[in-house]
PDB file of N, CA and C in Angstrom:
ATOM      1  N   UNK A   1      -6.713  21.609 -10.770  1.00  0.00           N
ATOM      2  CA  UNK A   1      -7.129  20.208  -9.415  1.00  0.00           C
ATOM      3  C   UNK A   1      -6.294  19.526  -8.705  1.00  0.00           C
ATOM      4  N   UNK A   2      -5.944  19.734  -7.689  1.00  0.00           N
ATOM      5  CA  UNK A   2      -5.252  18.065  -7.428  1.00  0.00           C
ATOM      6  C   UNK A   2      -6.564  17.473  -6.104  1.00  0.00           C
ATOM      7  N   UNK A   3      -5.378  15.736  -6.382  1.00  0.00           N
ATOM      8  CA  UNK A   3      -6.040  15.005  -6.005  1.00  0.00           C
ATOM      9  C   UNK A   3      -5.356  14.575  -4.996  1.00  0.00           C
ATOM     10  N   UNK A   4      -5.738  13.962  -3.716  1.00  0.00           N
ATOM     11  CA  UNK A   4      -5.336  13.633  -2.392  1.00  0.00           C
ATOM     12  C   UNK A   4      -4.763  12.396  -2.834  1.00  0.00           C
ATOM     13  N   UNK A   5      -3.412  12.023  -3.203  1.00  0.00           N
ATOM     14  CA  UNK A   5      -2.378  10.444  -3.857  1.00  0.00           C
ATOM     15  C   UNK A   5      -2.073  10.360  -1.865  1.00  0.00           C
ATOM     16  N   UNK A   6      -1.936   8.677  -2.077  1.00  0.00           N
ATOM     17  CA  UNK A   6      -1.552   8.648  -1.331  1.00  0.00           C
ATOM     18  C   UNK A   6      -0.477   7.090  -1.606  1.00  0.00           C
ATOM     19  N   UNK A   7       0.911   6.834  -0.941  1.00  0.00           N
ATOM     20  CA  UNK A   7       1.785   6.093  -1.605  1.00  0.00           C
ATOM     21  C   UNK A   7       1.997   4.439  -0.463  1.00  0.00           C
ATOM     22  N   UNK A   8       1.407   3.632  -0.462  1.00  0.00           N
ATOM     23  CA  UNK A   8       1.143   3.097  -0.196  1.00  0.00           C
ATOM     24  C   UNK A   8       3.061   2.003  -0.141  1.00  0.00           C
ATOM     25  N   UNK A   9       3.926   1.504   0.681  1.00  0.00           N
ATOM     26  CA  UNK A   9       4.583   0.787   0.475  1.00  0.00           C
ATOM     27  C   UNK A   9       4.504  -0.462   1.153  1.00  0.00           C
ATOM     28  N   UNK A  10       4.355  -1.684   1.021  1.00  0.00           N
ATOM     29  CA  UNK A  10       4.417  -2.887   1.392  1.00  0.00           C
ATOM     30  C   UNK A  10       5.440  -3.958   2.010  1.00  0.00           C
ATOM     31  N   UNK A  11       6.142  -4.204   3.292  1.00  0.00           N
ATOM     32  CA  UNK A  11       7.149  -5.454   3.140  1.00  0.00           C
ATOM     33  C   UNK A  11       6.365  -6.662   3.696  1.00  0.00           C
ATOM     34  N   UNK A  12       6.836  -7.621   4.048  1.00  0.00           N
ATOM     35  CA  UNK A  12       6.784  -8.295   5.029  1.00  0.00           C
ATOM     36  C   UNK A  12       7.094  -8.449   6.557  1.00  0.00           C
ATOM     37  N   UNK A  13       7.716  -9.651   6.953  1.00  0.00           N
ATOM     38  CA  UNK A  13       7.486  -9.594   8.543  1.00  0.00           C
ATOM     39  C   UNK A  13       8.653  -9.477   8.512  1.00  0.00           C
ATOM     40  N   UNK A  14       9.699  -9.980   7.634  1.00  0.00           N
ATOM     41  CA  UNK A  14      11.317 -10.124   7.589  1.00  0.00           C
ATOM     42  C   UNK A  14      12.062  -8.519   7.495  1.00  0.00           C
ATOM     43  N   UNK A  15      11.415  -7.472   6.419  1.00  0.00           N
ATOM     44  CA  UNK A  15      11.159  -6.288   5.838  1.00  0.00           C
ATOM     45  C   UNK A  15      11.100  -6.672   4.358  1.00  0.00           C
ATOM     46  N   UNK A  16      11.187  -7.615   4.010  1.00  0.00           N
ATOM     47  CA  UNK A  16      11.060  -7.879   2.537  1.00  0.00           C
ATOM     48  C   UNK A  16       9.754  -6.783   1.357  1.00  0.00           C
ATOM     49  N   UNK A  17      10.757  -5.960   0.858  1.00  0.00           N
ATOM     50  CA  UNK A  17       9.679  -5.541  -0.072  1.00  0.00           C
ATOM     51  C   UNK A  17       8.799  -6.166  -0.882  1.00  0.00           C
ATOM     52  N   UNK A  18       7.244  -6.646  -1.217  1.00  0.00           N
ATOM     53  CA  UNK A  18       6.443  -6.711  -1.602  1.00  0.00           C
ATOM     54  C   UNK A  18       5.857  -5.596  -2.791  1.00  0.00           C
ATOM     55  N   UNK A  19       5.524  -4.708  -2.686  1.00  0.00           N
ATOM     56  CA  UNK A  19       4.698  -3.400  -3.394  1.00  0.00           C
ATOM     57  C   UNK A  19       5.015  -2.284  -2.889  1.00  0.00           C
ATOM     58  N   UNK A  20       4.603  -1.892  -3.923  1.00  0.00           N
ATOM     59  CA  UNK A  20       4.770   0.211  -3.621  1.00  0.00           C
ATOM     60  C   UNK A  20       3.454   0.197  -5.033  1.00  0.00           C
ATOM     61  N   UNK A  21       2.651   1.686  -4.881  1.00  0.00           N
ATOM     62  CA  UNK A  21       1.673   1.857  -5.171  1.00  0.00           C
ATOM     63  C   UNK A  21       1.376   2.561  -4.558  1.00  0.00           C
ATOM     64  N   UNK A  22       0.598   3.782  -5.523  1.00  0.00           N
ATOM     65  CA  UNK A  22       0.293   5.244  -5.489  1.00  0.00           C
ATOM     66  C   UNK A  22      -1.227   5.439  -5.760  1.00  0.00           C
ATOM     67  N   UNK A  23      -2.389   5.887  -5.483  1.00  0.00           N
ATOM     68  CA  UNK A  23      -3.732   5.355  -5.185  1.00  0.00           C
ATOM     69  C   UNK A  23      -4.891   6.678  -4.669  1.00  0.00           C
ATOM     70  N   UNK A  24      -5.556   7.487  -5.047  1.00  0.00           N
ATOM     71  CA  UNK A  24      -6.097   8.188  -4.462  1.00  0.00           C
ATOM     72  C   UNK A  24      -7.602   7.800  -3.882  1.00  0.00           C
ATOM     73  N   UNK A  25      -7.702   6.352  -3.950  1.00  0.00           N
ATOM     74  CA  UNK A  25      -8.774   5.220  -3.900  1.00  0.00           C
ATOM     75  C   UNK A  25      -8.646   4.488  -2.681  1.00  0.00           C
ATOM     76  N   UNK A  26      -9.084   4.760  -1.419  1.00  0.00           N
ATOM     77  CA  UNK A  26      -8.649   3.939  -0.180  1.00  0.00           C
ATOM     78  C   UNK A  26      -8.971   2.476  -0.847  1.00  0.00           C
ATOM     79  N   UNK A  27     -10.632   2.150  -1.819  1.00  0.00           N
ATOM     80  CA  UNK A  27     -10.749   0.734  -1.323  1.00  0.00           C
ATOM     81  C   UNK A  27     -10.273  -0.151  -2.161  1.00  0.00           C
ATOM     82  N   UNK A  28      -9.169   0.577  -2.826  1.00  0.00           N
ATOM     83  CA  UNK A  28      -8.596   0.264  -4.386  1.00  0.00           C
ATOM     84  C   UNK A  28      -7.324  -0.609  -3.507  1.00  0.00           C
ATOM     85  N   UNK A  29      -7.050   0.481  -2.715  1.00  0.00           N
ATOM     86  CA  UNK A  29      -5.574   0.265  -2.066  1.00  0.00           C
ATOM     87  C   UNK A  29      -5.844  -1.577  -0.825  1.00  0.00           C
ATOM     88  N   UNK A  30      -7.208  -1.219   0.060  1.00  0.00           N
ATOM     89  CA  UNK A  30      -7.596  -2.200   0.704  1.00  0.00           C
ATOM     90  C   UNK A  30      -7.286  -3.263  -0.490  1.00  0.00           C
ATOM     91  N   UNK A  31      -8.164  -3.516  -1.468  1.00  0.00           N
ATOM     92  CA  UNK A  31      -7.896  -4.654  -2.187  1.00  0.00           C
ATOM     93  C   UNK A  31      -6.364  -5.076  -2.254  1.00  0.00           C
ATOM     94  N   UNK A  32      -6.159  -4.108  -3.062  1.00  0.00           N
ATOM     95  CA  UNK A  32      -4.751  -4.767  -3.386  1.00  0.00           C
ATOM     96  C   UNK A  32      -4.082  -5.431  -1.968  1.00  0.00           C
ATOM     97  N   UNK A  33      -3.541  -4.472  -1.063  1.00  0.00           N
ATOM     98  CA  UNK A  33      -2.930  -5.099   0.465  1.00  0.00           C
ATOM     99  C   UNK A  33      -3.858  -6.102   0.546  1.00  0.00           C
ATOM    100  N   UNK A  34      -4.895  -6.117   0.525  1.00  0.00           N
ATOM    101  CA  UNK A  34      -5.750  -7.906   1.258  1.00  0.00           C
ATOM    102  C   UNK A  34      -5.567  -9.086   0.393  1.00  0.00           C
ATOM    103  N   UNK A  35      -5.085  -8.785  -1.038  1.00  0.00           N
ATOM    104  CA  UNK A  35      -4.489  -9.376  -2.188  1.00  0.00           C
ATOM    105  C   UNK A  35      -3.065 -10.518  -1.381  1.00  0.00           C
ATOM    106  N   UNK A  36      -2.483  -9.687  -1.078  1.00  0.00           N
ATOM    107  CA  UNK A  36      -1.027 -10.131  -0.724  1.00  0.00           C
ATOM    108  C   UNK A  36      -1.240 -10.843   1.093  1.00  0.00           C
ATOM    109  N   UNK A  37      -2.142 -10.274   1.606  1.00  0.00           N
ATOM    110  CA  UNK A  37      -2.136 -10.812   2.976  1.00  0.00           C
ATOM    111  C   UNK A  37      -2.842 -12.351   2.705  1.00  0.00           C
ATOM    112  N   UNK A  38      -3.551 -12.520   1.835  1.00  0.00           N
ATOM    113  CA  UNK A  38      -3.664 -13.718   1.763  1.00  0.00           C
ATOM    114  C   UNK A  38      -2.329 -14.929   1.581  1.00  0.00           C
ATOM    115  N   UNK A  39      -1.822 -14.138   1.165  1.00  0.00           N
ATOM    116  CA  UNK A  39      -0.173 -15.052   1.069  1.00  0.00           C
ATOM    117  C   UNK A  39       0.748 -14.254   1.980  1.00  0.00           C
ATOM    118  N   UNK A  40       0.663 -13.492   2.757  1.00  0.00           N
ATOM    119  CA  UNK A  40       1.866 -12.983   3.347  1.00  0.00           C
ATOM    120  C   UNK A  40       1.373 -12.111   4.572  1.00  0.00           C
ATOM    121  N   UNK A  41       0.780 -12.973   5.292  1.00  0.00           N
ATOM    122  CA  UNK A  41      -0.298 -12.642   7.003  1.00  0.00           C
ATOM    123  C   UNK A  41      -0.001 -11.018   7.590  1.00  0.00           C
ATOM    124  N   UNK A  42       1.580 -11.167   7.531  1.00  0.00           N
ATOM    125  CA  UNK A  42       2.454 -10.564   8.564  1.00  0.00           C
ATOM    126  C   UNK A  42       2.465  -9.379   7.899  1.00  0.00           C
ATOM    127  N   UNK A  43       1.774  -7.980   7.064  1.00  0.00           N
ATOM    128  CA  UNK A  43       2.410  -7.450   6.290  1.00  0.00           C
ATOM    129  C   UNK A  43       2.678  -5.796   7.534  1.00  0.00           C
ATOM    130  N   UNK A  44       3.745  -4.939   6.965  1.00  0.00           N
ATOM    131  CA  UNK A  44       3.448  -3.714   7.292  1.00  0.00           C
ATOM    132  C   UNK A  44       3.494  -2.453   6.034  1.00  0.00           C
ATOM    133  N   UNK A  45       2.332  -2.337   6.506  1.00  0.00           N
ATOM    134  CA  UNK A  45       1.975  -1.084   5.284  1.00  0.00           C
ATOM    135  C   UNK A  45       2.451   0.160   5.993  1.00  0.00           C
ATOM    136  N   UNK A  46       3.252   0.695   4.503  1.00  0.00           N
ATOM    137  CA  UNK A  46       3.798   2.519   4.867  1.00  0.00           C
ATOM    138  C   UNK A  46       2.495   3.193   4.194  1.00  0.00           C
ATOM    139  N   UNK A  47       1.739   4.744   4.488  1.00  0.00           N
ATOM    140  CA  UNK A  47       1.075   5.313   4.040  1.00  0.00           C
ATOM    141  C   UNK A  47       2.110   6.733   3.965  1.00  0.00           C
ATOM    142  N   UNK A  48       2.170   7.258   3.046  1.00  0.00           N
ATOM    143  CA  UNK A  48       2.818   8.430   2.821  1.00  0.00           C
ATOM    144  C   UNK A  48       2.261   8.969   2.325  1.00  0.00           C
ATOM    145  N   UNK A  49       2.103  10.505   2.131  1.00  0.00           N
ATOM    146  CA  UNK A  49       1.178  11.671   1.261  1.00  0.00           C
ATOM    147  C   UNK A  49       1.879  11.919  -0.346  1.00  0.00           C
ATOM    148  N   UNK A  50       1.546  11.491  -1.090  1.00  0.00           N
ATOM    149  CA  UNK A  50       2.394  11.862  -2.535  1.00  0.00           C
ATOM    150  C   UNK A  50       1.230  12.822  -3.447  1.00  0.00           C
ATOM    151  N   UNK A  51       1.490  13.201  -3.045  1.00  0.00           N
ATOM    152  CA  UNK A  51       0.172  14.589  -3.691  1.00  0.00           C
ATOM    153  C   UNK A  51       1.109  15.517  -3.773  1.00  0.00           C
ATOM    154  N   UNK A  52       1.692  16.064  -5.363  1.00  0.00           N
ATOM    155  CA  UNK A  52       2.538  16.687  -5.756  1.00  0.00           C
ATOM    156  C   UNK A  52       2.407  18.240  -5.743  1.00  0.00           C
TER     157      UNK A  52
END
């Protein structure tokens, strides 16, 4: 059985790396990114397929 995993890379407006994680739960990803967005509102989030 294969789970569809998505890798999220979070950077601020200047391109500074802030976080990177993989999950198969989009709601969890949104909550985690929103927590960062409280302190750094201008984020760039890159999503890539991380299924092996």
